[in-house]
């Protein structure tokens, strides 16, 4: 979280963050992630470490939730630490920021690709280049297994 601080919107740089959900503490469940996802309208920071020790994730300008369509703003971004921090910001090409349903959580999209997706049991995910963020794949492989996941929100 400290390394990402300078990348956050200026209004959030001095705000205290708290751990809302962790697979170590709360188990592997997308339903639990949505339930503990924070107050509506409150930003969220999703941190993932895969089984190959790659670290990456997403910033959402609003709480992570189940939705019928895409939500979020141009403040949203994807990032990876491989080996140094790389941030992938909104390109302006579309508004496919975040969408969640009972089986899948997606960040970014376009041309049938998602910048980051996680399955319903939070065991598997994937990352491909997408129009929303013009990102590189965030993990070493396009599909990965999740070792740890944390969701942070404003305290």
N, C-alpha and C. Protein backbone atom coordinates (compact mmCIF):
# COMPACT_ATOMS: atom_id res chain seq x y z
N UNK A 1 0.82 -1.20 0.00
CA UNK A 1 0.00 0.00 0.00
C UNK A 1 0.87 1.26 0.00
N UNK A 2 1.95 1.32 0.80
CA UNK A 2 2.78 2.54 0.77
C UNK A 2 3.37 2.85 -0.61
N UNK A 3 3.80 1.83 -1.35
CA UNK A 3 4.37 2.07 -2.68
C UNK A 3 3.33 2.61 -3.65
N UNK A 4 2.08 2.25 -3.45
CA UNK A 4 1.01 2.70 -4.35
C UNK A 4 0.49 4.08 -3.98
N UNK A 5 0.79 4.56 -2.79
CA UNK A 5 0.28 5.86 -2.33
C UNK A 5 0.43 6.98 -3.33
N UNK A 6 1.64 7.19 -3.90
CA UNK A 6 1.81 8.29 -4.86
C UNK A 6 1.02 8.11 -6.16
N UNK A 7 0.54 6.91 -6.43
CA UNK A 7 -0.23 6.64 -7.66
C UNK A 7 -1.72 6.91 -7.48
N UNK A 8 -2.16 7.03 -6.25
CA UNK A 8 -3.58 7.22 -5.96
C UNK A 8 -3.99 8.65 -6.27
N UNK A 9 -5.30 8.87 -6.50
CA UNK A 9 -5.78 10.24 -6.69
C UNK A 9 -5.34 11.11 -5.51
N UNK A 10 -4.97 12.37 -5.77
CA UNK A 10 -4.46 13.26 -4.72
C UNK A 10 -5.35 13.34 -3.48
N UNK A 11 -6.66 13.26 -3.65
CA UNK A 11 -7.57 13.36 -2.51
C UNK A 11 -7.43 12.19 -1.53
N UNK A 12 -6.75 11.11 -1.98
CA UNK A 12 -6.63 9.91 -1.14
C UNK A 12 -5.23 9.69 -0.57
N UNK A 13 -4.26 10.50 -0.96
CA UNK A 13 -2.87 10.19 -0.60
C UNK A 13 -2.60 10.23 0.90
N UNK A 14 -3.31 11.03 1.66
CA UNK A 14 -3.07 11.10 3.11
C UNK A 14 -4.13 10.35 3.92
N UNK A 15 -4.99 9.59 3.25
CA UNK A 15 -6.05 8.87 3.95
C UNK A 15 -5.52 7.56 4.54
N UNK A 16 -6.01 7.16 5.72
CA UNK A 16 -5.61 5.87 6.30
C UNK A 16 -6.39 4.72 5.63
N UNK A 17 -5.69 3.63 5.35
CA UNK A 17 -6.31 2.46 4.72
C UNK A 17 -6.39 1.33 5.74
N UNK A 18 -7.42 0.49 5.59
CA UNK A 18 -7.55 -0.67 6.47
C UNK A 18 -7.84 -1.90 5.64
N UNK A 19 -7.43 -3.03 6.16
CA UNK A 19 -7.67 -4.31 5.50
C UNK A 19 -9.13 -4.70 5.67
N UNK A 20 -9.86 -4.81 4.56
CA UNK A 20 -11.27 -5.18 4.60
C UNK A 20 -11.48 -6.68 4.49
N UNK A 21 -10.67 -7.31 3.65
CA UNK A 21 -10.85 -8.73 3.37
C UNK A 21 -9.49 -9.32 3.00
N UNK A 22 -9.24 -10.52 3.50
CA UNK A 22 -7.99 -11.22 3.22
C UNK A 22 -8.30 -12.71 3.09
N UNK A 23 -7.72 -13.36 2.08
CA UNK A 23 -7.96 -14.80 1.93
C UNK A 23 -7.37 -15.57 3.11
N UNK A 24 -6.30 -15.08 3.69
CA UNK A 24 -5.72 -15.76 4.87
C UNK A 24 -6.66 -15.73 6.06
N UNK A 25 -7.34 -14.61 6.24
CA UNK A 25 -8.22 -14.43 7.40
C UNK A 25 -9.66 -14.87 7.10
N UNK A 26 -10.15 -14.54 5.88
CA UNK A 26 -11.58 -14.70 5.58
C UNK A 26 -11.89 -15.85 4.62
N UNK A 27 -10.86 -16.51 4.08
CA UNK A 27 -11.08 -17.62 3.16
C UNK A 27 -11.19 -17.15 1.72
N UNK A 28 -11.29 -18.10 0.83
CA UNK A 28 -11.31 -17.86 -0.62
C UNK A 28 -12.76 -17.86 -1.12
N UNK A 29 -13.36 -16.69 -1.20
CA UNK A 29 -14.75 -16.59 -1.64
C UNK A 29 -15.02 -15.20 -2.20
N UNK A 30 -15.46 -15.15 -3.45
CA UNK A 30 -15.83 -13.87 -4.06
C UNK A 30 -17.03 -13.27 -3.32
N UNK A 31 -17.95 -14.12 -2.87
CA UNK A 31 -19.11 -13.63 -2.12
C UNK A 31 -18.65 -12.88 -0.86
N UNK A 32 -17.67 -13.43 -0.15
CA UNK A 32 -17.15 -12.76 1.05
C UNK A 32 -16.47 -11.46 0.67
N UNK A 33 -15.73 -11.46 -0.43
CA UNK A 33 -15.08 -10.23 -0.90
C UNK A 33 -16.11 -9.13 -1.15
N UNK A 34 -17.22 -9.47 -1.81
CA UNK A 34 -18.28 -8.48 -2.04
C UNK A 34 -18.89 -8.02 -0.71
N UNK A 35 -19.15 -8.95 0.18
CA UNK A 35 -19.78 -8.62 1.46
C UNK A 35 -18.91 -7.69 2.30
N UNK A 36 -17.60 -7.89 2.24
CA UNK A 36 -16.68 -7.09 3.05
C UNK A 36 -16.06 -5.95 2.24
N UNK A 37 -16.58 -5.72 1.02
CA UNK A 37 -15.96 -4.81 0.05
C UNK A 37 -15.94 -3.34 0.35
N UNK A 38 -16.46 -2.91 1.45
CA UNK A 38 -16.37 -1.50 1.81
C UNK A 38 -17.67 -0.76 1.61
N UNK A 39 -17.67 0.49 2.02
CA UNK A 39 -18.85 1.35 1.92
C UNK A 39 -19.07 1.76 0.47
N UNK A 40 -20.33 1.84 0.02
CA UNK A 40 -20.59 2.29 -1.35
C UNK A 40 -19.93 3.64 -1.61
N UNK A 41 -19.28 3.75 -2.75
CA UNK A 41 -18.62 4.99 -3.11
C UNK A 41 -17.22 5.15 -2.54
N UNK A 42 -16.83 4.25 -1.65
CA UNK A 42 -15.50 4.32 -1.05
C UNK A 42 -14.50 3.55 -1.93
N UNK A 43 -13.33 4.10 -2.19
CA UNK A 43 -12.36 3.43 -3.06
C UNK A 43 -11.83 2.13 -2.46
N UNK A 44 -11.28 1.29 -3.32
CA UNK A 44 -10.77 -0.01 -2.89
C UNK A 44 -9.47 -0.32 -3.62
N UNK A 45 -8.59 -1.02 -2.92
CA UNK A 45 -7.32 -1.43 -3.48
C UNK A 45 -7.23 -2.95 -3.33
N UNK A 46 -7.12 -3.64 -4.46
CA UNK A 46 -7.06 -5.10 -4.49
C UNK A 46 -5.62 -5.52 -4.76
N UNK A 47 -5.04 -6.30 -3.83
CA UNK A 47 -3.66 -6.78 -3.95
C UNK A 47 -3.68 -8.30 -4.08
N UNK A 48 -2.94 -8.83 -5.05
CA UNK A 48 -2.90 -10.26 -5.30
C UNK A 48 -1.46 -10.72 -5.37
N UNK A 49 -1.19 -11.88 -4.77
CA UNK A 49 0.09 -12.57 -4.96
C UNK A 49 -0.26 -13.95 -5.50
N UNK A 50 0.33 -14.30 -6.64
CA UNK A 50 0.02 -15.61 -7.22
C UNK A 50 1.02 -16.66 -6.71
N UNK A 51 0.82 -17.90 -7.13
CA UNK A 51 1.66 -18.99 -6.65
C UNK A 51 3.07 -18.94 -7.23
N UNK A 52 3.34 -18.03 -8.16
CA UNK A 52 4.69 -17.82 -8.68
C UNK A 52 5.34 -16.58 -8.07
N UNK A 53 4.76 -16.11 -6.95
CA UNK A 53 5.27 -14.97 -6.17
C UNK A 53 5.22 -13.65 -6.94
N UNK A 54 4.36 -13.54 -7.95
CA UNK A 54 4.14 -12.27 -8.64
C UNK A 54 3.10 -11.48 -7.85
N UNK A 55 3.30 -10.17 -7.73
CA UNK A 55 2.36 -9.31 -7.01
C UNK A 55 1.78 -8.29 -7.99
N UNK A 56 0.46 -8.09 -7.94
CA UNK A 56 -0.24 -7.19 -8.86
C UNK A 56 -1.62 -6.92 -8.31
N UNK A 57 -2.39 -6.08 -9.02
CA UNK A 57 -3.73 -5.81 -8.55
C UNK A 57 -4.39 -4.67 -9.27
N UNK A 58 -5.37 -4.07 -8.58
CA UNK A 58 -6.20 -3.03 -9.18
C UNK A 58 -6.62 -2.02 -8.12
N UNK A 59 -6.76 -0.77 -8.57
CA UNK A 59 -7.37 0.27 -7.75
C UNK A 59 -8.74 0.57 -8.35
N UNK A 60 -9.76 0.62 -7.50
CA UNK A 60 -11.11 0.97 -7.93
C UNK A 60 -11.55 2.23 -7.21
N UNK A 61 -12.11 3.16 -7.94
CA UNK A 61 -12.57 4.42 -7.35
C UNK A 61 -13.80 4.23 -6.47
N UNK A 62 -14.41 3.04 -6.54
CA UNK A 62 -15.57 2.76 -5.68
C UNK A 62 -15.47 1.33 -5.15
N UNK A 63 -16.28 1.03 -4.15
CA UNK A 63 -16.25 -0.28 -3.49
C UNK A 63 -16.44 -1.41 -4.50
N UNK A 64 -15.80 -2.54 -4.24
CA UNK A 64 -15.95 -3.73 -5.07
C UNK A 64 -17.29 -4.36 -4.72
N UNK A 65 -18.11 -4.61 -5.73
CA UNK A 65 -19.45 -5.12 -5.47
C UNK A 65 -19.95 -5.94 -6.66
N UNK A 66 -21.01 -6.67 -6.43
CA UNK A 66 -21.71 -7.37 -7.50
C UNK A 66 -22.50 -6.32 -8.29
N UNK A 67 -22.50 -6.45 -9.62
CA UNK A 67 -23.13 -5.41 -10.44
C UNK A 67 -23.71 -6.01 -11.72
N UNK A 68 -24.69 -5.34 -12.27
CA UNK A 68 -25.28 -5.80 -13.53
C UNK A 68 -24.51 -5.29 -14.73
N UNK A 69 -23.70 -4.25 -14.53
CA UNK A 69 -22.90 -3.68 -15.60
C UNK A 69 -21.59 -3.17 -15.06
N UNK A 70 -20.80 -2.59 -15.93
CA UNK A 70 -19.51 -2.03 -15.50
C UNK A 70 -19.73 -0.75 -14.71
N UNK A 71 -18.85 -0.49 -13.75
CA UNK A 71 -18.90 0.73 -12.94
C UNK A 71 -17.47 1.22 -12.71
N UNK A 72 -17.33 2.41 -12.18
CA UNK A 72 -16.02 2.98 -11.89
C UNK A 72 -15.79 4.25 -12.68
N UNK A 73 -14.59 4.80 -12.53
CA UNK A 73 -14.24 6.06 -13.19
C UNK A 73 -12.84 5.96 -13.80
N UNK A 74 -12.44 6.99 -14.47
CA UNK A 74 -11.11 7.05 -15.06
C UNK A 74 -9.99 7.09 -14.03
N UNK A 75 -10.32 7.16 -12.75
CA UNK A 75 -9.30 7.06 -11.70
C UNK A 75 -8.83 5.61 -11.51
N UNK A 76 -9.63 4.66 -11.95
CA UNK A 76 -9.27 3.25 -11.80
C UNK A 76 -7.98 2.95 -12.55
N UNK A 77 -7.20 1.99 -12.02
CA UNK A 77 -6.00 1.55 -12.73
C UNK A 77 -5.60 0.14 -12.30
N UNK A 78 -4.79 -0.48 -13.13
CA UNK A 78 -4.19 -1.78 -12.83
C UNK A 78 -2.71 -1.55 -12.54
N UNK A 79 -2.09 -2.49 -11.83
CA UNK A 79 -0.67 -2.35 -11.53
C UNK A 79 -0.03 -3.72 -11.34
N UNK A 80 1.28 -3.75 -11.48
CA UNK A 80 2.05 -4.96 -11.19
C UNK A 80 3.39 -4.55 -10.57
N UNK A 81 3.96 -5.47 -9.82
CA UNK A 81 5.30 -5.30 -9.25
C UNK A 81 6.16 -6.40 -9.86
N UNK A 82 6.69 -6.16 -11.04
CA UNK A 82 7.46 -7.23 -11.68
C UNK A 82 8.64 -6.68 -12.48
N UNK A 83 9.79 -6.42 -11.91
CA UNK A 83 10.03 -6.42 -10.46
C UNK A 83 9.71 -5.06 -9.82
N UNK A 84 9.67 -3.99 -10.61
CA UNK A 84 9.31 -2.69 -10.04
C UNK A 84 7.86 -2.35 -10.37
N UNK A 85 7.33 -1.36 -9.68
CA UNK A 85 5.93 -0.97 -9.86
C UNK A 85 5.69 -0.45 -11.28
N UNK A 86 4.68 -1.02 -11.94
CA UNK A 86 4.19 -0.50 -13.22
C UNK A 86 2.70 -0.23 -13.05
N UNK A 87 2.26 0.94 -13.48
CA UNK A 87 0.87 1.34 -13.35
C UNK A 87 0.28 1.52 -14.75
N UNK A 88 -0.94 0.97 -14.93
CA UNK A 88 -1.63 1.05 -16.23
C UNK A 88 -2.93 1.82 -16.01
N UNK A 89 -2.95 3.04 -16.54
CA UNK A 89 -4.08 3.94 -16.33
C UNK A 89 -5.08 3.87 -17.48
N UNK A 90 -6.23 4.48 -17.26
CA UNK A 90 -7.31 4.50 -18.22
C UNK A 90 -6.86 5.16 -19.53
N UNK A 91 -7.18 4.50 -20.64
CA UNK A 91 -6.82 5.02 -21.96
C UNK A 91 -7.87 5.97 -22.52
N UNK A 92 -9.11 5.89 -22.01
CA UNK A 92 -10.21 6.67 -22.56
C UNK A 92 -10.93 5.96 -23.70
N UNK A 93 -10.49 4.77 -24.08
CA UNK A 93 -11.11 4.04 -25.21
C UNK A 93 -12.47 3.45 -24.88
N UNK A 94 -12.69 3.10 -23.60
CA UNK A 94 -14.00 2.58 -23.18
C UNK A 94 -14.14 2.81 -21.68
N UNK A 95 -15.29 2.45 -21.14
CA UNK A 95 -15.56 2.62 -19.71
C UNK A 95 -15.75 1.28 -19.01
N UNK A 96 -15.02 0.25 -19.44
CA UNK A 96 -15.15 -1.09 -18.85
C UNK A 96 -14.21 -1.20 -17.65
N UNK A 97 -14.52 -0.48 -16.56
CA UNK A 97 -13.63 -0.41 -15.41
C UNK A 97 -13.72 -1.66 -14.53
N UNK A 98 -14.88 -1.91 -13.92
CA UNK A 98 -15.06 -3.04 -13.01
C UNK A 98 -16.45 -3.61 -13.22
N UNK A 99 -16.54 -4.94 -13.21
CA UNK A 99 -17.84 -5.61 -13.23
C UNK A 99 -17.72 -6.88 -12.41
N UNK A 100 -18.68 -7.08 -11.54
CA UNK A 100 -18.66 -8.28 -10.71
C UNK A 100 -19.99 -9.01 -10.76
N UNK A 101 -19.94 -10.32 -10.90
CA UNK A 101 -21.14 -11.13 -10.72
C UNK A 101 -20.79 -12.27 -9.78
N UNK A 102 -21.68 -13.22 -9.58
CA UNK A 102 -21.44 -14.26 -8.58
C UNK A 102 -20.28 -15.18 -8.94
N UNK A 103 -19.92 -15.27 -10.22
CA UNK A 103 -18.89 -16.20 -10.65
C UNK A 103 -17.59 -15.55 -11.11
N UNK A 104 -17.58 -14.22 -11.26
CA UNK A 104 -16.43 -13.58 -11.90
C UNK A 104 -16.34 -12.11 -11.48
N UNK A 105 -15.11 -11.65 -11.24
CA UNK A 105 -14.84 -10.24 -11.00
C UNK A 105 -13.87 -9.80 -12.09
N UNK A 106 -14.21 -8.73 -12.83
CA UNK A 106 -13.42 -8.31 -13.98
C UNK A 106 -13.01 -6.84 -13.85
N UNK A 107 -11.78 -6.55 -14.28
CA UNK A 107 -11.26 -5.19 -14.33
C UNK A 107 -10.76 -4.93 -15.74
N UNK A 108 -11.29 -3.91 -16.39
CA UNK A 108 -10.86 -3.59 -17.74
C UNK A 108 -11.42 -4.57 -18.75
N UNK A 109 -11.57 -4.11 -19.99
CA UNK A 109 -12.11 -4.99 -21.01
C UNK A 109 -11.96 -4.40 -22.39
N UNK A 110 -12.51 -5.15 -23.34
CA UNK A 110 -12.47 -4.76 -24.74
C UNK A 110 -11.96 -5.90 -25.59
N UNK A 111 -12.60 -6.12 -26.71
CA UNK A 111 -12.22 -7.17 -27.66
C UNK A 111 -12.19 -8.56 -27.00
N UNK A 112 -13.08 -8.78 -26.06
CA UNK A 112 -13.19 -10.08 -25.42
C UNK A 112 -12.08 -10.40 -24.43
N UNK A 113 -11.28 -9.41 -24.07
CA UNK A 113 -10.17 -9.60 -23.13
C UNK A 113 -10.45 -8.81 -21.86
N UNK A 114 -9.95 -9.31 -20.74
CA UNK A 114 -10.04 -8.58 -19.47
C UNK A 114 -8.64 -8.30 -18.96
N UNK A 115 -8.43 -7.08 -18.47
CA UNK A 115 -7.13 -6.72 -17.91
C UNK A 115 -6.80 -7.59 -16.71
N UNK A 116 -7.83 -7.89 -15.91
CA UNK A 116 -7.69 -8.76 -14.75
C UNK A 116 -9.04 -9.39 -14.47
N UNK A 117 -9.06 -10.69 -14.25
CA UNK A 117 -10.29 -11.36 -13.83
C UNK A 117 -9.98 -12.37 -12.75
N UNK A 118 -10.96 -12.58 -11.87
CA UNK A 118 -10.85 -13.55 -10.78
C UNK A 118 -12.10 -14.41 -10.77
N UNK A 119 -11.93 -15.71 -10.52
CA UNK A 119 -13.09 -16.60 -10.51
C UNK A 119 -13.82 -16.53 -9.18
N UNK A 120 -14.97 -17.19 -9.11
CA UNK A 120 -15.86 -17.09 -7.96
C UNK A 120 -15.31 -17.64 -6.66
N UNK A 121 -14.35 -18.57 -6.73
CA UNK A 121 -13.79 -19.10 -5.49
C UNK A 121 -12.42 -18.48 -5.17
N UNK A 122 -12.04 -17.47 -5.95
CA UNK A 122 -10.77 -16.74 -5.76
C UNK A 122 -9.55 -17.65 -5.77
N UNK A 123 -9.62 -18.74 -6.51
CA UNK A 123 -8.46 -19.61 -6.65
C UNK A 123 -7.70 -19.34 -7.94
N UNK A 124 -8.44 -18.96 -8.99
CA UNK A 124 -7.81 -18.74 -10.29
C UNK A 124 -8.15 -17.35 -10.81
N UNK A 125 -7.31 -16.89 -11.70
CA UNK A 125 -7.56 -15.61 -12.36
C UNK A 125 -6.77 -15.53 -13.64
N UNK A 126 -6.86 -14.39 -14.27
CA UNK A 126 -6.13 -14.19 -15.51
C UNK A 126 -5.93 -12.72 -15.79
N UNK A 127 -5.00 -12.45 -16.69
CA UNK A 127 -4.73 -11.07 -17.08
C UNK A 127 -4.24 -11.05 -18.52
N UNK A 128 -4.87 -10.20 -19.31
CA UNK A 128 -4.49 -10.02 -20.70
C UNK A 128 -4.51 -8.54 -21.03
N UNK A 129 -3.82 -8.13 -22.07
CA UNK A 129 -3.91 -6.72 -22.49
C UNK A 129 -5.37 -6.38 -22.80
N UNK A 130 -5.81 -5.19 -22.38
CA UNK A 130 -7.18 -4.77 -22.66
C UNK A 130 -7.20 -3.31 -23.09
N UNK A 131 -8.26 -2.94 -23.81
CA UNK A 131 -8.40 -1.58 -24.31
C UNK A 131 -8.54 -0.54 -23.19
N UNK A 132 -9.18 -0.91 -22.09
CA UNK A 132 -9.43 0.05 -21.02
C UNK A 132 -8.13 0.63 -20.45
N UNK A 133 -7.13 -0.25 -20.23
CA UNK A 133 -5.90 0.19 -19.56
C UNK A 133 -4.64 0.01 -20.41
N UNK A 134 -4.76 -0.57 -21.59
CA UNK A 134 -3.60 -0.83 -22.46
C UNK A 134 -2.46 -1.43 -21.64
N UNK A 135 -2.80 -2.42 -20.83
CA UNK A 135 -1.85 -3.03 -19.90
C UNK A 135 -1.12 -4.21 -20.52
N UNK A 136 0.01 -4.51 -19.92
CA UNK A 136 0.69 -5.78 -20.17
C UNK A 136 -0.01 -6.81 -19.29
N UNK A 137 0.15 -8.11 -19.57
CA UNK A 137 -0.34 -9.09 -18.60
C UNK A 137 0.30 -8.81 -17.23
N UNK A 138 -0.48 -8.83 -16.17
CA UNK A 138 0.00 -8.46 -14.85
C UNK A 138 0.82 -9.56 -14.19
N UNK A 139 0.55 -10.81 -14.55
CA UNK A 139 1.24 -11.97 -13.98
C UNK A 139 2.18 -12.55 -15.03
N UNK A 140 3.02 -13.48 -14.60
CA UNK A 140 3.98 -14.12 -15.51
C UNK A 140 3.26 -14.95 -16.58
N UNK A 141 2.09 -15.49 -16.23
CA UNK A 141 1.28 -16.27 -17.17
C UNK A 141 -0.08 -15.60 -17.32
N UNK A 142 -0.73 -15.81 -18.47
CA UNK A 142 -2.04 -15.18 -18.69
C UNK A 142 -3.09 -15.70 -17.72
N UNK A 143 -2.96 -16.96 -17.27
CA UNK A 143 -3.82 -17.49 -16.23
C UNK A 143 -2.94 -17.87 -15.06
N UNK A 144 -3.43 -17.62 -13.85
CA UNK A 144 -2.61 -17.83 -12.65
C UNK A 144 -3.46 -18.42 -11.54
N UNK A 145 -2.78 -18.93 -10.52
CA UNK A 145 -3.43 -19.40 -9.30
C UNK A 145 -3.13 -18.40 -8.19
N UNK A 146 -4.14 -18.05 -7.44
CA UNK A 146 -4.00 -17.05 -6.38
C UNK A 146 -3.48 -17.72 -5.11
N UNK A 147 -2.42 -17.14 -4.55
CA UNK A 147 -1.91 -17.61 -3.26
C UNK A 147 -2.50 -16.77 -2.13
N UNK A 148 -2.45 -15.45 -2.28
CA UNK A 148 -3.00 -14.52 -1.28
C UNK A 148 -3.71 -13.37 -1.99
N UNK A 149 -4.77 -12.90 -1.39
CA UNK A 149 -5.49 -11.75 -1.91
C UNK A 149 -5.90 -10.89 -0.73
N UNK A 150 -5.73 -9.57 -0.89
CA UNK A 150 -6.18 -8.62 0.13
C UNK A 150 -6.98 -7.51 -0.52
N UNK A 151 -8.02 -7.08 0.14
CA UNK A 151 -8.80 -5.93 -0.28
C UNK A 151 -8.70 -4.87 0.81
N UNK A 152 -8.22 -3.69 0.42
CA UNK A 152 -8.05 -2.56 1.34
C UNK A 152 -9.04 -1.47 0.99
N UNK A 153 -9.53 -0.79 2.02
CA UNK A 153 -10.44 0.34 1.85
C UNK A 153 -10.07 1.44 2.81
N UNK A 154 -10.70 2.58 2.65
CA UNK A 154 -10.42 3.70 3.56
C UNK A 154 -10.92 3.39 4.95
N UNK A 155 -10.12 3.76 5.94
CA UNK A 155 -10.49 3.51 7.34
C UNK A 155 -11.63 4.43 7.76
